Amino acid sequence: MILNQIKTVILLAAMSGLLLSIGSLIGGYHGVQIAFIMALVMNGVMYFYSDRIVLSMYKAQPLDKNTYPWVYDIVSELARTMQIPMPQLWLIPTQMANAFATGRNPSHASVAVTSGIMSLLNKDELRGVLAHELAHVKNRDILITTMAATLAAAIGYLAHMLQYAAFWGSMSNDRDKKGNPLFMILVAILMPIAATLLQLALSRSREYLADETGACTSRDPLALADALEKLNSSIAHEHLRNDDTQKASTASLFIVHPFTSNGFVNLFSTHPPMQERIKRLRAQFKNMRS
C-alpha cells in the first residue's frame, strides 16, 4: 500500500515537471500560471459537479432500499470498518456488469452498480466489489485523479500555445532567444502524450491500491478476484460502444474497463492488466493466511 502511495506522489511530481518544462519554453512561469489557473477552474467545476454529470449520463436511479436491503447492509458494514460516511447508492439500468464510485470526498460520495452486476455476482463477490469502490472513496481517488487531470489539461493547453509559438518562429523579438521551431513542435507533440501516459499510470496505480484496500477491509481477497474474473469475461458480451466518445472519459471510474480493447489499445488503458490484478489479490490472500 505504501509503495502505491509513493508511486502516486512520483507520478504527480513527474506531471508537474512536464508542466514547468513546457511552460519555460513558452515564456517562463507567467504563462504557466495563466494556463494552470484556466485548467484549475475547468477541473474545479468537474470536481464539484462530475458526480451529478456521470450519474445523469448513465440514467442512474437511487437503489431501492426495500428491494436491496442486503446491499445497504453490506455497504453500511464496510463503511463503518473504513470509518467513512455511508455513501448514496445508485442503480444503473444496463446489462453491462460493472460498478463505480464518484464524489469529491467521503462526505459527498456515491456508489453505482449496474443491473448486470447484480445478476452476475453472488453476495460475497459483490461485497468484494463494493469494498473496492469504497476504497476509492476512502483513498480520495477522485481528488487525486482530478489533480492529474488538471495537470494534463494545463500541459495540453501549453502544448497548443507552443505550436503557435513554433509556427510564428518565437515568442520573443530577440533573435538570440528564439527557439528551434522543429524542437518546439516536437516537444508540443510529445509532452501531451507523456502527460497522458503518466495520467494513465496514475489511474492504474490507484486501481491496484483500491483492490488492496478493499480486499484488506473485506478480509476476502479471493471474492474480489473471482468477481474480477467474472466481470472481465462478461465485458466481451455487454460493454459500452467503442465509438461512444461521450462516455470514454468516464472509463477510469469503473471497476473493469467498460470498452472492448486489443493489445495496442491496452497501452492507453485506464486499468491495469486484469490477470495482474487477480494475481496480486491471490498473493494478498496467501499473505493474510500466513
Protein backbone atom coordinates (compact mmCIF):
# COMPACT_ATOMS: atom_id res chain seq x y z
CA MET A 1 0.00 0.00 0.00
CA ILE A 2 2.84 2.38 0.89
CA LEU A 3 4.54 1.66 -2.46
CA ASN A 4 1.36 2.60 -4.35
CA GLN A 5 1.12 5.87 -2.41
CA ILE A 6 4.77 6.67 -3.19
CA LYS A 7 4.17 5.87 -6.84
CA THR A 8 1.24 8.32 -6.86
CA VAL A 9 3.44 11.11 -5.49
CA ILE A 10 6.17 10.36 -8.06
CA LEU A 11 3.71 10.37 -10.98
CA LEU A 12 2.13 13.66 -9.89
CA ALA A 13 5.61 15.16 -9.46
CA ALA A 14 6.58 13.98 -12.95
CA MET A 15 3.48 15.60 -14.46
CA SER A 16 4.28 18.81 -12.58
CA GLY A 17 7.78 18.68 -14.02
CA LEU A 18 6.40 18.38 -17.55
CA LEU A 19 4.16 21.37 -16.90
CA LEU A 20 7.04 23.57 -15.74
CA SER A 21 9.32 22.40 -18.56
CA ILE A 22 6.91 23.19 -21.37
CA GLY A 23 5.93 26.46 -19.70
CA SER A 24 9.52 27.60 -19.59
CA LEU A 25 9.82 27.07 -23.34
CA ILE A 26 6.91 29.44 -23.97
CA GLY A 27 7.61 32.36 -21.72
CA GLY A 28 8.54 31.48 -18.19
CA TYR A 29 6.33 30.97 -15.18
CA HIS A 30 3.85 33.71 -16.06
CA GLY A 31 2.49 31.68 -18.96
CA VAL A 32 2.40 28.58 -16.77
CA GLN A 33 0.37 30.38 -14.12
CA ILE A 34 -2.24 31.58 -16.62
CA ALA A 35 -2.64 28.14 -18.20
CA PHE A 36 -2.69 26.41 -14.82
CA ILE A 37 -5.39 28.74 -13.47
CA MET A 38 -7.54 28.08 -16.54
CA ALA A 39 -7.12 24.34 -16.17
CA LEU A 40 -7.76 24.58 -12.44
CA VAL A 41 -11.05 26.42 -12.96
CA MET A 42 -12.17 23.92 -15.62
CA ASN A 43 -11.33 20.89 -13.50
CA GLY A 44 -12.65 22.58 -10.35
CA VAL A 45 -16.09 22.68 -11.96
CA MET A 46 -15.73 19.00 -12.89
CA TYR A 47 -14.56 18.16 -9.36
CA PHE A 48 -17.68 19.61 -7.76
CA TYR A 49 -20.23 18.51 -10.38
CA SER A 50 -18.73 15.42 -12.07
CA ASP A 51 -20.72 13.05 -9.86
CA ARG A 52 -24.03 14.59 -10.96
CA ILE A 53 -22.91 14.63 -14.58
CA VAL A 54 -21.82 10.99 -14.72
CA LEU A 55 -24.84 9.66 -12.78
CA SER A 56 -27.14 11.59 -15.12
CA MET A 57 -25.19 10.34 -18.14
CA TYR A 58 -25.93 6.72 -17.20
CA LYS A 59 -29.52 7.43 -16.09
CA ALA A 60 -28.76 6.19 -12.58
CA GLN A 61 -31.64 5.86 -10.14
CA PRO A 62 -31.43 5.59 -6.33
CA LEU A 63 -31.02 1.95 -5.32
CA ASP A 64 -34.32 0.81 -3.76
CA LYS A 65 -33.64 0.02 -0.11
CA ASN A 66 -36.75 -2.17 0.13
CA THR A 67 -35.67 -4.28 -2.85
CA TYR A 68 -31.98 -4.49 -1.96
CA PRO A 69 -31.73 -4.19 1.85
CA TRP A 70 -28.80 -6.62 1.93
CA VAL A 71 -26.75 -4.31 -0.32
CA TYR A 72 -27.32 -1.45 2.10
CA ASP A 73 -26.30 -3.74 4.98
CA ILE A 74 -23.06 -4.68 3.20
CA VAL A 75 -22.13 -1.10 2.36
CA SER A 76 -23.03 0.12 5.85
CA GLU A 77 -20.80 -2.52 7.45
CA LEU A 78 -17.88 -1.79 5.11
CA ALA A 79 -18.24 1.97 5.56
CA ARG A 80 -18.10 1.58 9.35
CA THR A 81 -14.98 -0.56 9.04
CA MET A 82 -13.33 2.05 6.81
CA GLN A 83 -14.56 4.85 9.09
CA ILE A 84 -16.22 6.79 6.28
CA PRO A 85 -19.81 8.09 5.96
CA MET A 86 -22.43 5.92 4.29
CA PRO A 87 -22.46 6.83 0.57
CA GLN A 88 -25.52 7.19 -1.62
CA LEU A 89 -26.28 4.03 -3.60
CA TRP A 90 -27.44 4.06 -7.22
CA LEU A 91 -28.63 1.53 -9.80
CA ILE A 92 -27.77 1.89 -13.50
CA PRO A 93 -30.26 0.13 -15.82
CA THR A 94 -27.86 -1.74 -18.12
CA GLN A 95 -26.90 -5.38 -18.56
CA MET A 96 -23.22 -4.41 -18.60
CA ALA A 97 -21.83 -5.85 -15.35
CA ASN A 98 -19.86 -3.04 -13.71
CA ALA A 99 -19.70 -0.57 -10.83
CA PHE A 100 -18.07 2.74 -9.94
CA ALA A 101 -17.69 5.29 -7.16
CA THR A 102 -17.78 9.05 -7.56
CA GLY A 103 -17.97 12.15 -5.41
CA ARG A 104 -15.49 14.82 -4.36
CA ASN A 105 -14.91 13.45 -0.83
CA PRO A 106 -16.20 10.75 1.56
CA SER A 107 -18.98 13.05 2.75
CA HIS A 108 -20.30 13.52 -0.80
CA ALA A 109 -19.75 10.03 -2.20
CA SER A 110 -21.91 7.84 -4.41
CA VAL A 111 -21.53 4.20 -5.39
CA ALA A 112 -23.31 2.97 -8.50
CA VAL A 113 -23.91 -0.63 -9.54
CA THR A 114 -25.43 -1.87 -12.78
CA SER A 115 -28.32 -4.27 -13.18
CA GLY A 116 -25.89 -6.62 -14.88
CA ILE A 117 -23.55 -6.90 -11.92
CA MET A 118 -26.43 -7.54 -9.53
CA SER A 119 -27.49 -10.60 -11.51
CA LEU A 120 -23.94 -11.85 -12.32
CA LEU A 121 -22.21 -11.91 -8.93
CA ASN A 122 -23.05 -13.70 -5.71
CA LYS A 123 -23.20 -11.77 -2.43
CA ASP A 124 -19.58 -12.43 -1.43
CA GLU A 125 -18.29 -11.31 -4.83
CA LEU A 126 -20.48 -8.20 -4.82
CA ARG A 127 -19.23 -7.43 -1.31
CA GLY A 128 -15.66 -7.54 -2.67
CA VAL A 129 -16.60 -5.14 -5.48
CA LEU A 130 -18.33 -2.75 -3.09
CA ALA A 131 -15.28 -2.82 -0.80
CA HIS A 132 -13.13 -1.88 -3.81
CA GLU A 133 -15.40 1.06 -4.64
CA LEU A 134 -15.48 2.27 -1.04
CA ALA A 135 -11.69 2.06 -1.05
CA HIS A 136 -11.68 4.62 -3.86
CA VAL A 137 -13.77 6.87 -1.61
CA LYS A 138 -11.55 6.31 1.44
CA ASN A 139 -8.35 6.90 -0.58
CA ARG A 140 -9.80 10.11 -2.09
CA ASP A 141 -9.06 8.93 -5.61
CA ILE A 142 -11.49 11.44 -7.14
CA LEU A 143 -9.37 14.26 -5.73
CA ILE A 144 -6.12 12.68 -6.92
CA THR A 145 -7.38 11.93 -10.42
CA THR A 146 -8.78 15.47 -10.65
CA MET A 147 -5.33 16.84 -9.77
CA ALA A 148 -3.84 14.68 -12.52
CA ALA A 149 -6.49 15.86 -14.98
CA THR A 150 -5.72 19.48 -14.05
CA LEU A 151 -2.01 18.99 -14.78
CA ALA A 152 -2.71 17.09 -18.01
CA ALA A 153 -5.13 19.78 -19.21
CA ALA A 154 -2.61 22.53 -18.42
CA ILE A 155 0.12 20.66 -20.30
CA GLY A 156 -2.18 20.21 -23.29
CA TYR A 157 -3.05 23.90 -23.29
CA LEU A 158 0.61 24.95 -23.11
CA ALA A 159 1.50 22.49 -25.87
CA HIS A 160 -1.12 24.15 -28.05
CA MET A 161 0.43 27.54 -27.30
CA LEU A 162 3.87 26.14 -28.08
CA GLN A 163 2.72 25.01 -31.52
CA TYR A 164 1.63 28.56 -32.31
CA ALA A 165 4.93 29.89 -30.98
CA ALA A 166 6.85 27.48 -33.21
CA PHE A 167 4.72 28.39 -36.22
CA TRP A 168 5.40 32.10 -35.86
CA GLY A 169 9.08 31.50 -35.14
CA SER A 170 9.32 32.62 -31.50
CA MET A 171 7.53 34.44 -28.69
CA SER A 172 10.46 36.84 -28.40
CA ASN A 173 11.74 39.62 -30.64
CA ASP A 174 15.30 38.89 -29.58
CA ARG A 175 16.99 36.71 -32.22
CA ASP A 176 19.31 35.20 -29.63
CA LYS A 177 16.37 33.91 -27.61
CA LYS A 178 14.42 32.35 -30.47
CA GLY A 179 13.99 28.64 -30.05
CA ASN A 180 14.33 25.95 -32.68
CA PRO A 181 10.84 25.65 -34.28
CA LEU A 182 11.26 21.95 -35.07
CA PHE A 183 12.30 21.22 -31.49
CA MET A 184 9.36 23.22 -30.17
CA ILE A 185 6.90 21.36 -32.41
CA LEU A 186 8.37 18.02 -31.32
CA VAL A 187 8.02 18.99 -27.66
CA ALA A 188 4.45 20.22 -28.28
CA ILE A 189 3.56 16.80 -29.73
CA LEU A 190 5.38 14.58 -27.24
CA MET A 191 4.61 16.40 -23.99
CA PRO A 192 0.81 15.80 -24.05
CA ILE A 193 1.44 12.14 -24.92
CA ALA A 194 3.83 11.82 -21.99
CA ALA A 195 1.32 13.55 -19.70
CA THR A 196 -1.44 11.18 -20.83
CA LEU A 197 0.74 8.12 -20.19
CA LEU A 198 1.61 9.41 -16.72
CA GLN A 199 -2.06 10.09 -16.03
CA LEU A 200 -2.97 6.56 -17.11
CA ALA A 201 -0.18 5.11 -14.97
CA LEU A 202 -1.59 7.04 -12.01
CA SER A 203 -5.07 5.66 -12.70
CA ARG A 204 -3.70 2.11 -12.79
CA SER A 205 -1.80 2.66 -9.56
CA ARG A 206 -5.00 3.80 -7.81
CA GLU A 207 -6.83 0.70 -9.10
CA TYR A 208 -4.18 -1.55 -7.55
CA LEU A 209 -4.46 0.40 -4.30
CA ALA A 210 -8.27 0.13 -4.29
CA ASP A 211 -8.01 -3.63 -4.86
CA GLU A 212 -5.58 -3.93 -1.95
CA THR A 213 -7.53 -1.66 0.41
CA GLY A 214 -10.87 -3.24 -0.48
CA ALA A 215 -9.59 -6.79 -0.06
CA CYS A 216 -7.96 -5.89 3.26
CA THR A 217 -11.22 -4.34 4.53
CA SER A 218 -13.47 -7.19 3.37
CA ARG A 219 -10.91 -9.78 4.54
CA ASP A 220 -11.75 -11.75 1.40
CA PRO A 221 -9.32 -11.10 -1.48
CA LEU A 222 -10.46 -14.24 -3.31
CA ALA A 223 -14.05 -12.99 -3.54
CA LEU A 224 -12.84 -9.82 -5.28
CA ALA A 225 -10.51 -11.86 -7.53
CA ASP A 226 -13.41 -14.14 -8.54
CA ALA A 227 -15.62 -11.11 -9.16
CA LEU A 228 -13.00 -9.51 -11.41
CA GLU A 229 -12.72 -12.72 -13.43
CA LYS A 230 -16.48 -12.83 -13.98
CA LEU A 231 -16.70 -9.13 -14.80
CA ASN A 232 -13.81 -9.30 -17.24
CA SER A 233 -15.41 -12.22 -19.08
CA SER A 234 -18.81 -10.56 -19.21
CA ILE A 235 -17.46 -7.33 -20.77
CA ALA A 236 -16.85 -9.20 -24.02
CA HIS A 237 -20.62 -9.65 -24.33
CA GLU A 238 -22.04 -6.49 -22.71
CA HIS A 239 -19.98 -3.31 -22.92
CA LEU A 240 -20.05 0.34 -23.93
CA ARG A 241 -19.68 1.00 -27.67
CA ASN A 242 -16.09 1.77 -28.65
CA ASP A 243 -17.34 4.75 -30.67
CA ASP A 244 -19.16 6.27 -27.69
CA THR A 245 -16.75 9.17 -27.20
CA GLN A 246 -19.14 10.93 -24.83
CA LYS A 247 -18.65 8.19 -22.24
CA ALA A 248 -14.99 7.46 -22.96
CA SER A 249 -13.89 10.00 -20.33
CA THR A 250 -15.71 8.00 -17.64
CA ALA A 251 -13.91 4.72 -18.33
CA SER A 252 -11.49 5.13 -15.42
CA LEU A 253 -14.38 5.24 -12.94
CA PHE A 254 -15.49 1.64 -13.49
CA ILE A 255 -14.00 -1.32 -11.67
CA VAL A 256 -13.33 -3.01 -15.03
CA HIS A 257 -12.66 -1.25 -18.34
CA PRO A 258 -16.13 -0.86 -19.93
CA PHE A 259 -14.92 -0.99 -23.55
CA THR A 260 -13.50 -3.84 -25.61
CA SER A 261 -9.85 -3.39 -26.49
CA ASN A 262 -6.89 -5.02 -28.23
CA GLY A 263 -3.22 -5.28 -27.31
CA PHE A 264 -2.27 -1.85 -28.68
CA VAL A 265 -5.21 -0.08 -27.02
CA ASN A 266 -4.27 -1.68 -23.71
CA LEU A 267 -1.20 0.58 -23.67
CA PHE A 268 -3.58 3.51 -23.21
CA SER A 269 -5.99 1.72 -20.86
CA THR A 270 -7.03 3.38 -17.63
CA HIS A 271 -6.97 -0.02 -15.90
CA PRO A 272 -4.06 -2.37 -15.15
CA PRO A 273 -4.00 -5.85 -16.74
CA MET A 274 -6.76 -7.96 -15.24
CA GLN A 275 -4.58 -11.03 -14.77
CA GLU A 276 -2.07 -8.96 -12.80
CA ARG A 277 -4.83 -7.61 -10.54
CA ILE A 278 -6.09 -11.13 -9.89
CA LYS A 279 -2.54 -12.40 -9.29
CA ARG A 280 -1.93 -9.70 -6.68
CA LEU A 281 -5.21 -10.44 -4.90
CA ARG A 282 -4.40 -14.16 -4.70
CA ALA A 283 -0.96 -13.31 -3.34
CA GLN A 284 -2.60 -11.00 -0.79
CA PHE A 285 -4.84 -13.90 0.30
CA LYS A 286 -1.78 -16.11 0.85
CA ASN A 287 -0.10 -13.38 2.90
CA MET A 288 -3.21 -12.99 5.05
CA ARG A 289 -3.26 -16.75 5.69
CA SER A 290 0.40 -16.95 6.66
